PDB file of N, CA and C in Angstrom:
ATOM      1  N   UNK A   1      98.357  69.038  77.930  1.00  0.00           N
ATOM      2  CA  UNK A   1      98.052  70.461  77.926  1.00  0.00           C
ATOM      3  C   UNK A   1      98.249  71.010  76.516  1.00  0.00           C
ATOM      4  N   UNK A   2      97.396  71.919  76.145  1.00  0.00           N
ATOM      5  CA  UNK A   2      97.563  72.534  74.832  1.00  0.00           C
ATOM      6  C   UNK A   2      98.438  73.789  74.946  1.00  0.00           C
ATOM      7  N   UNK A   3      98.699  74.422  73.834  1.00  0.00           N
ATOM      8  CA  UNK A   3      99.617  75.552  73.785  1.00  0.00           C
ATOM      9  C   UNK A   3      99.115  76.739  74.590  1.00  0.00           C
ATOM     10  N   UNK A   4      97.827  76.987  74.599  1.00  0.00           N
ATOM     11  CA  UNK A   4      97.266  78.112  75.340  1.00  0.00           C
ATOM     12  C   UNK A   4      97.524  77.960  76.830  1.00  0.00           C
ATOM     13  N   UNK A   5      97.421  76.753  77.346  1.00  0.00           N
ATOM     14  CA  UNK A   5      97.682  76.525  78.766  1.00  0.00           C
ATOM     15  C   UNK A   5      99.134  76.804  79.117  1.00  0.00           C
ATOM     16  N   UNK A   6     100.056  76.468  78.220  1.00  0.00           N
ATOM     17  CA  UNK A   6     101.463  76.754  78.484  1.00  0.00           C
ATOM     18  C   UNK A   6     101.731  78.258  78.488  1.00  0.00           C
ATOM     19  N   UNK A   7     101.095  78.991  77.555  1.00  0.00           N
ATOM     20  CA  UNK A   7     101.231  80.446  77.568  1.00  0.00           C
ATOM     21  C   UNK A   7     100.687  81.017  78.866  1.00  0.00           C
ATOM     22  N   UNK A   8      99.565  80.504  79.308  1.00  0.00           N
ATOM     23  CA  UNK A   8      98.990  80.967  80.562  1.00  0.00           C
ATOM     24  C   UNK A   8      99.887  80.671  81.743  1.00  0.00           C
ATOM     25  N   UNK A   9     100.467  79.481  81.760  1.00  0.00           N
ATOM     26  CA  UNK A   9     101.354  79.110  82.854  1.00  0.00           C
ATOM     27  C   UNK A   9     102.592  80.000  82.896  1.00  0.00           C
ATOM     28  N   UNK A  10     103.215  80.179  81.748  1.00  0.00           N
ATOM     29  CA  UNK A  10     104.420  81.016  81.690  1.00  0.00           C
ATOM     30  C   UNK A  10     104.080  82.475  81.992  1.00  0.00           C
ATOM     31  N   UNK A  11     102.989  82.967  81.420  1.00  0.00           N
ATOM     32  CA  UNK A  11     102.595  84.353  81.644  1.00  0.00           C
ATOM     33  C   UNK A  11     102.273  84.639  83.095  1.00  0.00           C
ATOM     34  N   UNK A  12     101.506  83.754  83.711  1.00  0.00           N
ATOM     35  CA  UNK A  12     101.165  83.957  85.122  1.00  0.00           C
ATOM     36  C   UNK A  12     102.396  83.842  86.017  1.00  0.00           C
ATOM     37  N   UNK A  13     103.310  82.950  85.669  1.00  0.00           N
ATOM     38  CA  UNK A  13     104.546  82.828  86.441  1.00  0.00           C
ATOM     39  C   UNK A  13     105.367  84.103  86.338  1.00  0.00           C
ATOM     40  N   UNK A  14     105.460  84.664  85.145  1.00  0.00           N
ATOM     41  CA  UNK A  14     106.251  85.884  84.959  1.00  0.00           C
ATOM     42  C   UNK A  14     105.679  87.060  85.726  1.00  0.00           C
ATOM     43  N   UNK A  15     104.369  87.296  85.615  1.00  0.00           N
ATOM     44  CA  UNK A  15     103.843  88.474  86.293  1.00  0.00           C
ATOM     45  C   UNK A  15     103.846  88.304  87.804  1.00  0.00           C
ATOM     46  N   UNK A  16     103.673  87.069  88.278  1.00  0.00           N
ATOM     47  CA  UNK A  16     103.758  86.858  89.722  1.00  0.00           C
ATOM     48  C   UNK A  16     105.181  87.055  90.243  1.00  0.00           C
ATOM     49  N   UNK A  17     106.168  86.573  89.489  1.00  0.00           N
ATOM     50  CA  UNK A  17     107.565  86.782  89.888  1.00  0.00           C
ATOM     51  C   UNK A  17     107.934  88.260  89.831  1.00  0.00           C
ATOM     52  N   UNK A  18     107.439  88.977  88.833  1.00  0.00           N
ATOM     53  CA  UNK A  18     107.692  90.411  88.746  1.00  0.00           C
ATOM     54  C   UNK A  18     107.081  91.165  89.912  1.00  0.00           C
ATOM     55  N   UNK A  19     105.850  90.831  90.260  1.00  0.00           N
ATOM     56  CA  UNK A  19     105.198  91.468  91.388  1.00  0.00           C
ATOM     57  C   UNK A  19     105.909  91.129  92.696  1.00  0.00           C
ATOM     58  N   UNK A  20     106.354  89.885  92.830  1.00  0.00           N
ATOM     59  CA  UNK A  20     107.100  89.487  94.026  1.00  0.00           C
ATOM     60  C   UNK A  20     108.414  90.260  94.126  1.00  0.00           C
ATOM     61  N   UNK A  21     109.088  90.456  92.990  1.00  0.00           N
ATOM     62  CA  UNK A  21     110.341  91.223  92.997  1.00  0.00           C
ATOM     63  C   UNK A  21     110.089  92.672  93.401  1.00  0.00           C
ATOM     64  N   UNK A  22     109.022  93.260  92.882  1.00  0.00           N
ATOM     65  CA  UNK A  22     108.689  94.641  93.251  1.00  0.00           C
ATOM     66  C   UNK A  22     108.392  94.767  94.743  1.00  0.00           C
ATOM     67  N   UNK A  23     107.561  93.867  95.251  1.00  0.00           N
ATOM     68  CA  UNK A  23     107.203  93.928  96.665  1.00  0.00           C
ATOM     69  C   UNK A  23     108.390  93.624  97.573  1.00  0.00           C
ATOM     70  N   UNK A  24     109.228  92.678  97.183  1.00  0.00           N
ATOM     71  CA  UNK A  24     110.410  92.360  97.989  1.00  0.00           C
ATOM     72  C   UNK A  24     111.390  93.527  98.008  1.00  0.00           C
ATOM     73  N   UNK A  25     111.550  94.191  96.880  1.00  0.00           N
ATOM     74  CA  UNK A  25     112.443  95.345  96.827  1.00  0.00           C
ATOM     75  C   UNK A  25     111.949  96.459  97.734  1.00  0.00           C
ATOM     76  N   UNK A  26     110.663  96.758  97.645  1.00  0.00           N
ATOM     77  CA  UNK A  26     110.116  97.823  98.488  1.00  0.00           C
ATOM     78  C   UNK A  26     110.162  97.450  99.969  1.00  0.00           C
ATOM     79  N   UNK A  27     109.937  96.184 100.277  1.00  0.00           N
ATOM     80  CA  UNK A  27     109.998  95.728 101.658  1.00  0.00           C
ATOM     81  C   UNK A  27     111.414  95.823 102.227  1.00  0.00           C
ATOM     82  N   UNK A  28     112.389  95.355 101.458  1.00  0.00           N
ATOM     83  CA  UNK A  28     113.783  95.435 101.920  1.00  0.00           C
ATOM     84  C   UNK A  28     114.246  96.878 102.040  1.00  0.00           C
ATOM     85  N   UNK A  29     113.796  97.722 101.135  1.00  0.00           N
ATOM     86  CA  UNK A  29     114.150  99.129 101.184  1.00  0.00           C
ATOM     87  C   UNK A  29     113.573  99.783 102.431  1.00  0.00           C
ATOM     88  N   UNK A  30     112.338  99.442 102.739  1.00  0.00           N
ATOM     89  CA  UNK A  30     111.715  99.983 103.954  1.00  0.00           C
ATOM     90  C   UNK A  30     112.440  99.498 105.208  1.00  0.00           C
ATOM     91  N   UNK A  31     112.844  98.236 105.212  1.00  0.00           N
ATOM     92  CA  UNK A  31     113.591  97.701 106.336  1.00  0.00           C
ATOM     93  C   UNK A  31     114.923  98.432 106.508  1.00  0.00           C
ATOM     94  N   UNK A  32     115.658  98.632 105.410  1.00  0.00           N
ATOM     95  CA  UNK A  32     116.945  99.322 105.485  1.00  0.00           C
ATOM     96  C   UNK A  32     116.781 100.767 105.936  1.00  0.00           C
ATOM     97  N   UNK A  33     115.729 101.427 105.477  1.00  0.00           N
ATOM     98  CA  UNK A  33     115.488 102.819 105.853  1.00  0.00           C
ATOM     99  C   UNK A  33     115.224 102.916 107.347  1.00  0.00           C
ATOM    100  N   UNK A  34     114.429 101.996 107.861  1.00  0.00           N
ATOM    101  CA  UNK A  34     114.141 102.013 109.306  1.00  0.00           C
ATOM    102  C   UNK A  34     115.380 101.688 110.130  1.00  0.00           C
ATOM    103  N   UNK A  35     116.224 100.782 109.645  1.00  0.00           N
ATOM    104  CA  UNK A  35     117.421 100.398 110.392  1.00  0.00           C
ATOM    105  C   UNK A  35     118.444 101.529 110.432  1.00  0.00           C
ATOM    106  N   UNK A  36     118.603 102.235 109.337  1.00  0.00           N
ATOM    107  CA  UNK A  36     119.620 103.285 109.248  1.00  0.00           C
ATOM    108  C   UNK A  36     119.070 104.636 109.686  1.00  0.00           C
ATOM    109  N   UNK A  37     117.795 104.879 109.430  1.00  0.00           N
ATOM    110  CA  UNK A  37     117.190 106.146 109.796  1.00  0.00           C
ATOM    111  C   UNK A  37     117.150 107.150 108.654  1.00  0.00           C
ATOM    112  N   UNK A  38     117.320 106.685 107.437  1.00  0.00           N
ATOM    113  CA  UNK A  38     117.221 107.558 106.265  1.00  0.00           C
ATOM    114  C   UNK A  38     115.759 107.791 105.907  1.00  0.00           C
ATOM    115  N   UNK A  39     115.557 108.611 104.882  1.00  0.00           N
ATOM    116  CA  UNK A  39     114.216 108.802 104.339  1.00  0.00           C
ATOM    117  C   UNK A  39     113.993 107.813 103.202  1.00  0.00           C
ATOM    118  N   UNK A  40     112.767 107.311 103.120  1.00  0.00           N
ATOM    119  CA  UNK A  40     112.428 106.322 102.093  1.00  0.00           C
ATOM    120  C   UNK A  40     112.619 106.910 100.700  1.00  0.00           C
ATOM    121  N   UNK A  41     112.197 108.136 100.511  1.00  0.00           N
ATOM    122  CA  UNK A  41     112.294 108.776  99.205  1.00  0.00           C
ATOM    123  C   UNK A  41     113.753 108.938  98.766  1.00  0.00           C
ATOM    124  N   UNK A  42     114.633 109.234  99.710  1.00  0.00           N
ATOM    125  CA  UNK A  42     116.051 109.385  99.370  1.00  0.00           C
ATOM    126  C   UNK A  42     116.659 108.058  98.923  1.00  0.00           C
ATOM    127  N   UNK A  43     116.346 106.984  99.617  1.00  0.00           N
ATOM    128  CA  UNK A  43     116.877 105.667  99.256  1.00  0.00           C
ATOM    129  C   UNK A  43     116.245 105.125  97.982  1.00  0.00           C
ATOM    130  N   UNK A  44     115.003 105.515  97.715  1.00  0.00           N
ATOM    131  CA  UNK A  44     114.338 105.073  96.502  1.00  0.00           C
ATOM    132  C   UNK A  44     115.001 105.677  95.260  1.00  0.00           C
ATOM    133  N   UNK A  45     115.687 106.783  95.425  1.00  0.00           N
ATOM    134  CA  UNK A  45     116.387 107.419  94.321  1.00  0.00           C
ATOM    135  C   UNK A  45     117.719 106.776  93.985  1.00  0.00           C
ATOM    136  N   UNK A  46     118.185 105.841  94.806  1.00  0.00           N
ATOM    137  CA  UNK A  46     119.455 105.162  94.534  1.00  0.00           C
ATOM    138  C   UNK A  46     119.305 104.219  93.343  1.00  0.00           C
ATOM    139  N   UNK A  47     120.438 103.904  92.733  1.00  0.00           N
ATOM    140  CA  UNK A  47     120.441 103.105  91.509  1.00  0.00           C
ATOM    141  C   UNK A  47     120.029 101.659  91.746  1.00  0.00           C
ATOM    142  N   UNK A  48     120.480 101.050  92.839  1.00  0.00           N
ATOM    143  CA  UNK A  48     120.216  99.623  93.069  1.00  0.00           C
ATOM    144  C   UNK A  48     118.725  99.318  93.223  1.00  0.00           C
ATOM    145  N   UNK A  49     117.988 100.044  94.063  1.00  0.00           N
ATOM    146  CA  UNK A  49     116.551  99.746  94.135  1.00  0.00           C
ATOM    147  C   UNK A  49     115.830 100.041  92.820  1.00  0.00           C
ATOM    148  N   UNK A  50     116.268 101.061  92.109  1.00  0.00           N
ATOM    149  CA  UNK A  50     115.627 101.367  90.834  1.00  0.00           C
ATOM    150  C   UNK A  50     115.852 100.253  89.816  1.00  0.00           C
ATOM    151  N   UNK A  51     117.039  99.653  89.830  1.00  0.00           N
ATOM    152  CA  UNK A  51     117.301  98.544  88.908  1.00  0.00           C
ATOM    153  C   UNK A  51     116.415  97.344  89.243  1.00  0.00           C
ATOM    154  N   UNK A  52     116.242  97.057  90.518  1.00  0.00           N
ATOM    155  CA  UNK A  52     115.385  95.944  90.926  1.00  0.00           C
ATOM    156  C   UNK A  52     113.923  96.225  90.582  1.00  0.00           C
ATOM    157  N   UNK A  53     113.491  97.459  90.765  1.00  0.00           N
ATOM    158  CA  UNK A  53     112.115  97.825  90.424  1.00  0.00           C
ATOM    159  C   UNK A  53     111.901  97.733  88.917  1.00  0.00           C
ATOM    160  N   UNK A  54     112.876  98.188  88.137  1.00  0.00           N
ATOM    161  CA  UNK A  54     112.760  98.108  86.680  1.00  0.00           C
ATOM    162  C   UNK A  54     112.704  96.653  86.218  1.00  0.00           C
ATOM    163  N   UNK A  55     113.523  95.791  86.803  1.00  0.00           N
ATOM    164  CA  UNK A  55     113.504  94.372  86.428  1.00  0.00           C
ATOM    165  C   UNK A  55     112.164  93.730  86.793  1.00  0.00           C
ATOM    166  N   UNK A  56     111.629  94.063  87.968  1.00  0.00           N
ATOM    167  CA  UNK A  56     110.322  93.559  88.357  1.00  0.00           C
ATOM    168  C   UNK A  56     109.225  94.061  87.434  1.00  0.00           C
ATOM    169  N   UNK A  57     109.321  95.320  87.022  1.00  0.00           N
ATOM    170  CA  UNK A  57     108.341  95.880  86.094  1.00  0.00           C
ATOM    171  C   UNK A  57     108.382  95.165  84.749  1.00  0.00           C
ATOM    172  N   UNK A  58     109.572  94.860  84.275  1.00  0.00           N
ATOM    173  CA  UNK A  58     109.712  94.165  82.988  1.00  0.00           C
ATOM    174  C   UNK A  58     109.090  92.771  83.071  1.00  0.00           C
ATOM    175  N   UNK A  59     109.370  92.047  84.141  1.00  0.00           N
ATOM    176  CA  UNK A  59     108.770  90.718  84.303  1.00  0.00           C
ATOM    177  C   UNK A  59     107.246  90.795  84.401  1.00  0.00           C
ATOM    178  N   UNK A  60     106.764  91.754  85.158  1.00  0.00           N
ATOM    179  CA  UNK A  60     105.323  91.937  85.324  1.00  0.00           C
ATOM    180  C   UNK A  60     104.653  92.214  83.985  1.00  0.00           C
ATOM    181  N   UNK A  61     105.220  93.136  83.222  1.00  0.00           N
ATOM    182  CA  UNK A  61     104.642  93.487  81.922  1.00  0.00           C
ATOM    183  C   UNK A  61     104.747  92.333  80.927  1.00  0.00           C
ATOM    184  N   UNK A  62     105.847  91.601  80.950  1.00  0.00           N
ATOM    185  CA  UNK A  62     105.992  90.461  80.038  1.00  0.00           C
ATOM    186  C   UNK A  62     104.954  89.389  80.341  1.00  0.00           C
ATOM    187  N   UNK A  63     104.704  89.145  81.612  1.00  0.00           N
ATOM    188  CA  UNK A  63     103.693  88.158  81.975  1.00  0.00           C
ATOM    189  C   UNK A  63     102.307  88.561  81.537  1.00  0.00           C
ATOM    190  N   UNK A  64     101.941  89.822  81.777  1.00  0.00           N
ATOM    191  CA  UNK A  64     100.615  90.266  81.362  1.00  0.00           C
ATOM    192  C   UNK A  64     100.499  90.359  79.847  1.00  0.00           C
ATOM    193  N   UNK A  65     101.592  90.613  79.170  1.00  0.00           N
ATOM    194  CA  UNK A  65     101.585  90.625  77.707  1.00  0.00           C
ATOM    195  C   UNK A  65     101.256  89.234  77.160  1.00  0.00           C
ATOM    196  N   UNK A  66     101.747  88.197  77.818  1.00  0.00           N
ATOM    197  CA  UNK A  66     101.493  86.834  77.351  1.00  0.00           C
ATOM    198  C   UNK A  66     100.069  86.350  77.615  1.00  0.00           C
ATOM    199  N   UNK A  67      99.447  86.809  78.694  1.00  0.00           N
ATOM    200  CA  UNK A  67      98.139  86.252  79.047  1.00  0.00           C
ATOM    201  C   UNK A  67      96.961  87.088  78.577  1.00  0.00           C
ATOM    202  N   UNK A  68      97.193  88.266  78.025  1.00  0.00           N
ATOM    203  CA  UNK A  68      96.096  89.102  77.528  1.00  0.00           C
ATOM    204  C   UNK A  68      95.777  88.747  76.084  1.00  0.00           C
ATOM    205  N   UNK A  69      94.516  88.886  75.719  1.00  0.00           N
ATOM    206  CA  UNK A  69      94.074  88.525  74.371  1.00  0.00           C
ATOM    207  C   UNK A  69      93.790  89.749  73.504  1.00  0.00           C
ATOM    208  N   UNK A  70      93.268  90.813  74.093  1.00  0.00           N
ATOM    209  CA  UNK A  70      92.929  91.998  73.310  1.00  0.00           C
ATOM    210  C   UNK A  70      94.212  92.702  72.860  1.00  0.00           C
ATOM    211  N   UNK A  71      94.199  93.153  71.620  1.00  0.00           N
ATOM    212  CA  UNK A  71      95.386  93.778  71.049  1.00  0.00           C
ATOM    213  C   UNK A  71      95.740  95.075  71.767  1.00  0.00           C
ATOM    214  N   UNK A  72      94.746  95.858  72.169  1.00  0.00           N
ATOM    215  CA  UNK A  72      95.030  97.120  72.841  1.00  0.00           C
ATOM    216  C   UNK A  72      95.664  96.881  74.219  1.00  0.00           C
ATOM    217  N   UNK A  73      95.260  95.792  74.894  1.00  0.00           N
ATOM    218  CA  UNK A  73      95.886  95.454  76.177  1.00  0.00           C
ATOM    219  C   UNK A  73      97.334  95.035  75.974  1.00  0.00           C
ATOM    220  N   UNK A  74      97.570  94.230  74.950  1.00  0.00           N
ATOM    221  CA  UNK A  74      98.943  93.819  74.644  1.00  0.00           C
ATOM    222  C   UNK A  74      99.802  95.030  74.316  1.00  0.00           C
ATOM    223  N   UNK A  75      99.226  96.003  73.613  1.00  0.00           N
ATOM    224  CA  UNK A  75      99.971  97.217  73.277  1.00  0.00           C
ATOM    225  C   UNK A  75     100.354  98.020  74.507  1.00  0.00           C
ATOM    226  N   UNK A  76      99.432  98.119  75.458  1.00  0.00           N
ATOM    227  CA  UNK A  76      99.724  98.867  76.687  1.00  0.00           C
ATOM    228  C   UNK A  76     100.824  98.177  77.478  1.00  0.00           C
ATOM    229  N   UNK A  77     100.728  96.863  77.653  1.00  0.00           N
ATOM    230  CA  UNK A  77     101.736  96.151  78.438  1.00  0.00           C
ATOM    231  C   UNK A  77     103.075  96.115  77.720  1.00  0.00           C
ATOM    232  N   UNK A  78     103.056  96.060  76.389  1.00  0.00           N
ATOM    233  CA  UNK A  78     104.305  96.111  75.627  1.00  0.00           C
ATOM    234  C   UNK A  78     104.961  97.481  75.782  1.00  0.00           C
ATOM    235  N   UNK A  79     104.156  98.546  75.757  1.00  0.00           N
ATOM    236  CA  UNK A  79     104.708  99.902  75.923  1.00  0.00           C
ATOM    237  C   UNK A  79     105.331 100.070  77.302  1.00  0.00           C
ATOM    238  N   UNK A  80     104.634  99.607  78.344  1.00  0.00           N
ATOM    239  CA  UNK A  80     105.201  99.690  79.687  1.00  0.00           C
ATOM    240  C   UNK A  80     106.468  98.839  79.813  1.00  0.00           C
ATOM    241  N   UNK A  81     106.469  97.677  79.174  1.00  0.00           N
ATOM    242  CA  UNK A  81     107.661  96.826  79.198  1.00  0.00           C
ATOM    243  C   UNK A  81     108.838  97.478  78.507  1.00  0.00           C
ATOM    244  N   UNK A  82     108.588  98.113  77.371  1.00  0.00           N
ATOM    245  CA  UNK A  82     109.663  98.818  76.658  1.00  0.00           C
ATOM    246  C   UNK A  82     110.186  99.976  77.510  1.00  0.00           C
ATOM    247  N   UNK A  83     109.293 100.700  78.174  1.00  0.00           N
ATOM    248  CA  UNK A  83     109.738 101.771  79.072  1.00  0.00           C
ATOM    249  C   UNK A  83     110.597 101.215  80.206  1.00  0.00           C
ATOM    250  N   UNK A  84     110.211 100.063  80.736  1.00  0.00           N
ATOM    251  CA  UNK A  84     111.018  99.426  81.777  1.00  0.00           C
ATOM    252  C   UNK A  84     112.386  99.014  81.268  1.00  0.00           C
ATOM    253  N   UNK A  85     112.442  98.493  80.043  1.00  0.00           N
ATOM    254  CA  UNK A  85     113.733  98.101  79.457  1.00  0.00           C
ATOM    255  C   UNK A  85     114.610  99.322  79.242  1.00  0.00           C
ATOM    256  N   UNK A  86     114.020 100.408  78.729  1.00  0.00           N
ATOM    257  CA  UNK A  86     114.790 101.646  78.527  1.00  0.00           C
ATOM    258  C   UNK A  86     115.314 102.159  79.858  1.00  0.00           C
ATOM    259  N   UNK A  87     114.470 102.131  80.887  1.00  0.00           N
ATOM    260  CA  UNK A  87     114.874 102.580  82.209  1.00  0.00           C
ATOM    261  C   UNK A  87     116.025 101.727  82.747  1.00  0.00           C
ATOM    262  N   UNK A  88     115.918 100.409  82.597  1.00  0.00           N
ATOM    263  CA  UNK A  88     116.960  99.505  83.076  1.00  0.00           C
ATOM    264  C   UNK A  88     118.268  99.708  82.311  1.00  0.00           C
ATOM    265  N   UNK A  89     118.190  99.907  80.998  1.00  0.00           N
ATOM    266  CA  UNK A  89     119.404 100.131  80.204  1.00  0.00           C
ATOM    267  C   UNK A  89     120.073 101.438  80.605  1.00  0.00           C
ATOM    268  N   UNK A  90     119.282 102.469  80.846  1.00  0.00           N
ATOM    269  CA  UNK A  90     119.855 103.752  81.274  1.00  0.00           C
ATOM    270  C   UNK A  90     120.517 103.622  82.645  1.00  0.00           C
ATOM    271  N   UNK A  91     119.873 102.882  83.549  1.00  0.00           N
ATOM    272  CA  UNK A  91     120.480 102.657  84.864  1.00  0.00           C
ATOM    273  C   UNK A  91     121.754 101.836  84.734  1.00  0.00           C
ATOM    274  N   UNK A  92     121.744 100.847  83.858  1.00  0.00           N
ATOM    275  CA  UNK A  92     122.930 100.019  83.643  1.00  0.00           C
ATOM    276  C   UNK A  92     124.063 100.865  83.052  1.00  0.00           C
ATOM    277  N   UNK A  93     123.725 101.784  82.166  1.00  0.00           N
ATOM    278  CA  UNK A  93     124.727 102.687  81.605  1.00  0.00           C
ATOM    279  C   UNK A  93     125.349 103.565  82.671  1.00  0.00           C
ATOM    280  N   UNK A  94     124.542 104.031  83.624  1.00  0.00           N
ATOM    281  CA  UNK A  94     125.094 104.801  84.745  1.00  0.00           C
ATOM    282  C   UNK A  94     126.001 103.941  85.605  1.00  0.00           C
ATOM    283  N   UNK A  95     125.658 102.640  85.705  1.00  0.00           N
ATOM    284  CA  UNK A  95     126.499 101.714  86.466  1.00  0.00           C
ATOM    285  C   UNK A  95     127.870 101.588  85.814  1.00  0.00           C
ATOM    286  N   UNK A  96     127.898 101.471  84.498  1.00  0.00           N
ATOM    287  CA  UNK A  96     129.163 101.373  83.781  1.00  0.00           C
ATOM    288  C   UNK A  96     129.983 102.647  83.894  1.00  0.00           C
ATOM    289  N   UNK A  97     129.306 103.800  83.844  1.00  0.00           N
ATOM    290  CA  UNK A  97     129.999 105.074  83.965  1.00  0.00           C
ATOM    291  C   UNK A  97     130.550 105.243  85.371  1.00  0.00           C
ATOM    292  N   UNK A  98     129.782 104.838  86.383  1.00  0.00           N
ATOM    293  CA  UNK A  98     130.243 104.946  87.765  1.00  0.00           C
ATOM    294  C   UNK A  98     131.393 104.006  88.050  1.00  0.00           C
ATOM    295  N   UNK A  99     131.381 102.811  87.448  1.00  0.00           N
ATOM    296  CA  UNK A  99     132.462 101.851  87.654  1.00  0.00           C
ATOM    297  C   UNK A  99     133.750 102.375  87.058  1.00  0.00           C
ATOM    298  N   UNK A 100     133.663 103.061  85.918  1.00  0.00           N
ATOM    299  CA  UNK A 100     134.853 103.611  85.280  1.00  0.00           C
ATOM    300  C   UNK A 100     135.436 104.783  86.050  1.00  0.00           C
ATOM    301  N   UNK A 101     134.599 105.541  86.745  1.00  0.00           N
ATOM    302  CA  UNK A 101     135.080 106.687  87.506  1.00  0.00           C
ATOM    303  C   UNK A 101     135.806 106.288  88.775  1.00  0.00           C
ATOM    304  N   UNK A 102     135.456 105.140  89.354  1.00  0.00           N
ATOM    305  CA  UNK A 102     136.043 104.754  90.632  1.00  0.00           C
ATOM    306  C   UNK A 102     137.425 104.156  90.500  1.00  0.00           C
ATOM    307  N   UNK A 103     137.858 103.771  89.311  1.00  0.00           N
ATOM    308  CA  UNK A 103     139.183 103.161  89.171  1.00  0.00           C
ATOM    309  C   UNK A 103     140.234 104.168  88.901  1.00  0.00           C
TER     310      UNK A 103
END
């Protein structure tokens, strides 16, 4: 296999894993909402599902960044990936702040 095939393999694996993480998170969230009787929108605002969605978004964008050839497409996926990283870091910062408050 040449180098392009390896980029394609890694890129397709990343975006598929990211999409699977997004769909699994939404599916589990829907299951929990139905079991408890909460509203989906209320549970979607919690930190844990948002962290999983952000991680899935980052994987998805990284995969599409690797397999796209046009520079403008790479720029769009890189921008979305950076937004996902910023979102995940902000959520992680809230996690650290919440952990410090509980002790």
